[in-house]
């Protein structure tokens, strides 16, 4: 449909559907390809011990962590395979560490408490968790 001055009207619905289709295709391609960033650097054994020390197992079940049988939060047995963390954050080592350190900053009111995890501790915890697939 031509407008004065030769400018064509845009069918917003068609453009919107096309953009949605492209976004979904990209997301599904990323999911199905299994492409993930390389496993994070960090001390895996220390990370496992820290998950116990910080009491993560009171709320989560975590494979390989002593007494981690909680059912308040989601099980973390395969957290390294998930596409998203907390329902909305892309699952990358960086995002996982940020979530562990400051969950209330990402999702105010979440049941996940801020337990003052240091950056180094979070990186080691992520090194362990990200390998759970």
C-alpha atoms as a PDB file:
ATOM      1  CA  UNK A   1       0.000   0.000   0.000  1.00  0.00           C
ATOM      2  CA  UNK A   2       1.578   3.269  -1.118  1.00  0.00           C
ATOM      3  CA  UNK A   3       1.451   6.405   1.016  1.00  0.00           C
ATOM      4  CA  UNK A   4       1.983   9.979  -0.115  1.00  0.00           C
ATOM      5  CA  UNK A   5       5.614  10.515  -0.992  1.00  0.00           C
ATOM      6  CA  UNK A   6       6.088   6.905  -2.134  1.00  0.00           C
ATOM      7  CA  UNK A   7       6.547   5.450   1.376  1.00  0.00           C
ATOM      8  CA  UNK A   8       5.025   1.996   1.752  1.00  0.00           C
ATOM      9  CA  UNK A   9       2.964   1.104   4.775  1.00  0.00           C
ATOM     10  CA  UNK A  10       4.392  -1.761   6.792  1.00  0.00           C
ATOM     11  CA  UNK A  11       2.240  -4.649   7.908  1.00  0.00           C
ATOM     12  CA  UNK A  12       3.290  -4.560  11.554  1.00  0.00           C
ATOM     13  CA  UNK A  13       1.684  -7.913  12.330  1.00  0.00           C
ATOM     14  CA  UNK A  14       3.620  -9.639   9.555  1.00  0.00           C
ATOM     15  CA  UNK A  15       6.910  -8.031  10.615  1.00  0.00           C
ATOM     16  CA  UNK A  16       6.209  -8.924  14.248  1.00  0.00           C
ATOM     17  CA  UNK A  17       5.516 -12.569  13.343  1.00  0.00           C
ATOM     18  CA  UNK A  18       8.675 -12.706  11.249  1.00  0.00           C
ATOM     19  CA  UNK A  19      10.790 -11.307  14.081  1.00  0.00           C
ATOM     20  CA  UNK A  20       9.229 -13.746  16.545  1.00  0.00           C
ATOM     21  CA  UNK A  21       9.895 -16.648  14.185  1.00  0.00           C
ATOM     22  CA  UNK A  22      13.536 -15.618  13.804  1.00  0.00           C
ATOM     23  CA  UNK A  23      13.978 -15.268  17.561  1.00  0.00           C
ATOM     24  CA  UNK A  24      12.415 -18.669  18.195  1.00  0.00           C
ATOM     25  CA  UNK A  25      14.509 -20.293  15.499  1.00  0.00           C
ATOM     26  CA  UNK A  26      17.649 -18.845  17.033  1.00  0.00           C
ATOM     27  CA  UNK A  27      16.676 -19.947  20.502  1.00  0.00           C
ATOM     28  CA  UNK A  28      15.707 -23.432  19.380  1.00  0.00           C
ATOM     29  CA  UNK A  29      18.882 -23.725  17.344  1.00  0.00           C
ATOM     30  CA  UNK A  30      20.962 -22.843  20.371  1.00  0.00           C
ATOM     31  CA  UNK A  31      19.025 -25.321  22.515  1.00  0.00           C
ATOM     32  CA  UNK A  32      19.206 -28.183  20.089  1.00  0.00           C
ATOM     33  CA  UNK A  33      22.812 -27.653  19.108  1.00  0.00           C
ATOM     34  CA  UNK A  34      23.902 -28.120  22.705  1.00  0.00           C
ATOM     35  CA  UNK A  35      26.398 -25.319  22.233  1.00  0.00           C
ATOM     36  CA  UNK A  36      27.467 -24.016  25.593  1.00  0.00           C
ATOM     37  CA  UNK A  37      30.382 -21.980  26.750  1.00  0.00           C
ATOM     38  CA  UNK A  38      33.329 -24.094  27.876  1.00  0.00           C
ATOM     39  CA  UNK A  39      33.189 -25.253  31.504  1.00  0.00           C
ATOM     40  CA  UNK A  40      34.255 -22.497  33.840  1.00  0.00           C
ATOM     41  CA  UNK A  41      37.604 -22.316  35.512  1.00  0.00           C
ATOM     42  CA  UNK A  42      37.560 -22.847  39.236  1.00  0.00           C
ATOM     43  CA  UNK A  43      38.318 -25.390  41.899  1.00  0.00           C
ATOM     44  CA  UNK A  44      35.690 -28.099  41.464  1.00  0.00           C
ATOM     45  CA  UNK A  45      36.437 -29.900  44.740  1.00  0.00           C
ATOM     46  CA  UNK A  46      36.398 -26.641  46.683  1.00  0.00           C
ATOM     47  CA  UNK A  47      33.150 -25.656  44.967  1.00  0.00           C
ATOM     48  CA  UNK A  48      31.525 -28.908  46.046  1.00  0.00           C
ATOM     49  CA  UNK A  49      32.632 -28.322  49.643  1.00  0.00           C
ATOM     50  CA  UNK A  50      31.400 -24.718  49.521  1.00  0.00           C
ATOM     51  CA  UNK A  51      27.947 -25.812  48.377  1.00  0.00           C
ATOM     52  CA  UNK A  52      27.777 -27.843  51.583  1.00  0.00           C
ATOM     53  CA  UNK A  53      29.344 -25.069  53.704  1.00  0.00           C
ATOM     54  CA  UNK A  54      26.910 -22.389  52.511  1.00  0.00           C
ATOM     55  CA  UNK A  55      23.967 -24.713  53.206  1.00  0.00           C
ATOM     56  CA  UNK A  56      22.735 -24.902  49.627  1.00  0.00           C
ATOM     57  CA  UNK A  57      21.523 -28.452  50.290  1.00  0.00           C
ATOM     58  CA  UNK A  58      18.904 -27.241  52.760  1.00  0.00           C
ATOM     59  CA  UNK A  59      16.894 -25.979  49.788  1.00  0.00           C
ATOM     60  CA  UNK A  60      18.311 -27.899  46.801  1.00  0.00           C
ATOM     61  CA  UNK A  61      19.198 -31.456  45.981  1.00  0.00           C
ATOM     62  CA  UNK A  62      22.682 -31.470  44.498  1.00  0.00           C
ATOM     63  CA  UNK A  63      24.269 -34.642  43.199  1.00  0.00           C
ATOM     64  CA  UNK A  64      27.570 -35.343  44.927  1.00  0.00           C
ATOM     65  CA  UNK A  65      27.101 -32.846  47.782  1.00  0.00           C
ATOM     66  CA  UNK A  66      26.719 -34.325  51.255  1.00  0.00           C
ATOM     67  CA  UNK A  67      23.218 -33.965  52.733  1.00  0.00           C
ATOM     68  CA  UNK A  68      21.993 -31.861  49.789  1.00  0.00           C
ATOM     69  CA  UNK A  69      18.459 -33.210  49.676  1.00  0.00           C
ATOM     70  CA  UNK A  70      16.347 -30.069  49.990  1.00  0.00           C
ATOM     71  CA  UNK A  71      13.159 -29.610  48.038  1.00  0.00           C
ATOM     72  CA  UNK A  72      12.402 -25.914  48.583  1.00  0.00           C
ATOM     73  CA  UNK A  73      14.340 -24.827  45.506  1.00  0.00           C
ATOM     74  CA  UNK A  74      14.743 -26.716  42.248  1.00  0.00           C
ATOM     75  CA  UNK A  75      17.070 -29.716  42.125  1.00  0.00           C
ATOM     76  CA  UNK A  76      20.491 -28.747  40.814  1.00  0.00           C
ATOM     77  CA  UNK A  77      21.425 -32.257  39.698  1.00  0.00           C
ATOM     78  CA  UNK A  78      21.489 -31.222  36.024  1.00  0.00           C
ATOM     79  CA  UNK A  79      21.776 -27.442  36.286  1.00  0.00           C
ATOM     80  CA  UNK A  80      24.633 -27.397  33.758  1.00  0.00           C
ATOM     81  CA  UNK A  81      22.238 -28.607  31.042  1.00  0.00           C
ATOM     82  CA  UNK A  82      19.571 -25.992  31.583  1.00  0.00           C
ATOM     83  CA  UNK A  83      19.038 -23.145  29.170  1.00  0.00           C
ATOM     84  CA  UNK A  84      17.901 -20.681  31.831  1.00  0.00           C
ATOM     85  CA  UNK A  85      18.541 -20.044  35.514  1.00  0.00           C
ATOM     86  CA  UNK A  86      15.754 -18.734  37.743  1.00  0.00           C
ATOM     87  CA  UNK A  87      13.434 -18.961  34.759  1.00  0.00           C
ATOM     88  CA  UNK A  88      14.903 -16.029  32.853  1.00  0.00           C
ATOM     89  CA  UNK A  89      18.695 -15.726  33.071  1.00  0.00           C
ATOM     90  CA  UNK A  90      20.731 -17.348  30.289  1.00  0.00           C
ATOM     91  CA  UNK A  91      22.669 -20.236  31.799  1.00  0.00           C
ATOM     92  CA  UNK A  92      26.272 -19.161  31.459  1.00  0.00           C
ATOM     93  CA  UNK A  93      28.979 -19.506  34.103  1.00  0.00           C
ATOM     94  CA  UNK A  94      29.015 -15.729  34.547  1.00  0.00           C
ATOM     95  CA  UNK A  95      25.250 -15.495  35.043  1.00  0.00           C
ATOM     96  CA  UNK A  96      25.246 -18.469  37.401  1.00  0.00           C
ATOM     97  CA  UNK A  97      27.933 -16.845  39.566  1.00  0.00           C
ATOM     98  CA  UNK A  98      26.023 -13.552  39.605  1.00  0.00           C
ATOM     99  CA  UNK A  99      22.818 -15.353  40.571  1.00  0.00           C
ATOM    100  CA  UNK A 100      24.563 -17.195  43.414  1.00  0.00           C
ATOM    101  CA  UNK A 101      26.098 -13.964  44.707  1.00  0.00           C
ATOM    102  CA  UNK A 102      23.072 -11.657  44.446  1.00  0.00           C
ATOM    103  CA  UNK A 103      19.794 -13.440  43.683  1.00  0.00           C
ATOM    104  CA  UNK A 104      17.690 -10.610  45.110  1.00  0.00           C
ATOM    105  CA  UNK A 105      19.286  -8.175  42.653  1.00  0.00           C
ATOM    106  CA  UNK A 106      18.009 -10.272  39.747  1.00  0.00           C
ATOM    107  CA  UNK A 107      14.650 -11.265  41.157  1.00  0.00           C
ATOM    108  CA  UNK A 108      13.573  -9.244  44.197  1.00  0.00           C
ATOM    109  CA  UNK A 109      11.510 -11.348  46.556  1.00  0.00           C
ATOM    110  CA  UNK A 110      12.861 -14.670  45.315  1.00  0.00           C
ATOM    111  CA  UNK A 111      13.064 -17.433  47.910  1.00  0.00           C
ATOM    112  CA  UNK A 112      16.784 -17.730  47.127  1.00  0.00           C
ATOM    113  CA  UNK A 113      18.567 -15.925  49.954  1.00  0.00           C
ATOM    114  CA  UNK A 114      21.613 -13.735  49.600  1.00  0.00           C
ATOM    115  CA  UNK A 115      24.154 -15.533  51.795  1.00  0.00           C
ATOM    116  CA  UNK A 116      27.080 -13.203  51.029  1.00  0.00           C
ATOM    117  CA  UNK A 117      28.991 -15.543  48.736  1.00  0.00           C
ATOM    118  CA  UNK A 118      32.324 -14.058  47.656  1.00  0.00           C
ATOM    119  CA  UNK A 119      33.253 -13.849  43.992  1.00  0.00           C
ATOM    120  CA  UNK A 120      35.942 -16.523  44.391  1.00  0.00           C
ATOM    121  CA  UNK A 121      33.576 -18.860  46.236  1.00  0.00           C
ATOM    122  CA  UNK A 122      30.840 -18.352  43.637  1.00  0.00           C
ATOM    123  CA  UNK A 123      33.285 -19.155  40.815  1.00  0.00           C
ATOM    124  CA  UNK A 124      34.319 -22.387  42.530  1.00  0.00           C
ATOM    125  CA  UNK A 125      30.688 -23.331  43.192  1.00  0.00           C
ATOM    126  CA  UNK A 126      29.889 -22.695  39.531  1.00  0.00           C
ATOM    127  CA  UNK A 127      32.871 -24.828  38.489  1.00  0.00           C
ATOM    128  CA  UNK A 128      31.203 -27.745  40.279  1.00  0.00           C
ATOM    129  CA  UNK A 129      27.583 -26.993  39.370  1.00  0.00           C
ATOM    130  CA  UNK A 130      28.152 -26.258  35.709  1.00  0.00           C
ATOM    131  CA  UNK A 131      29.498 -29.791  35.202  1.00  0.00           C
ATOM    132  CA  UNK A 132      26.272 -31.360  36.482  1.00  0.00           C
ATOM    133  CA  UNK A 133      24.641 -32.467  33.248  1.00  0.00           C
END
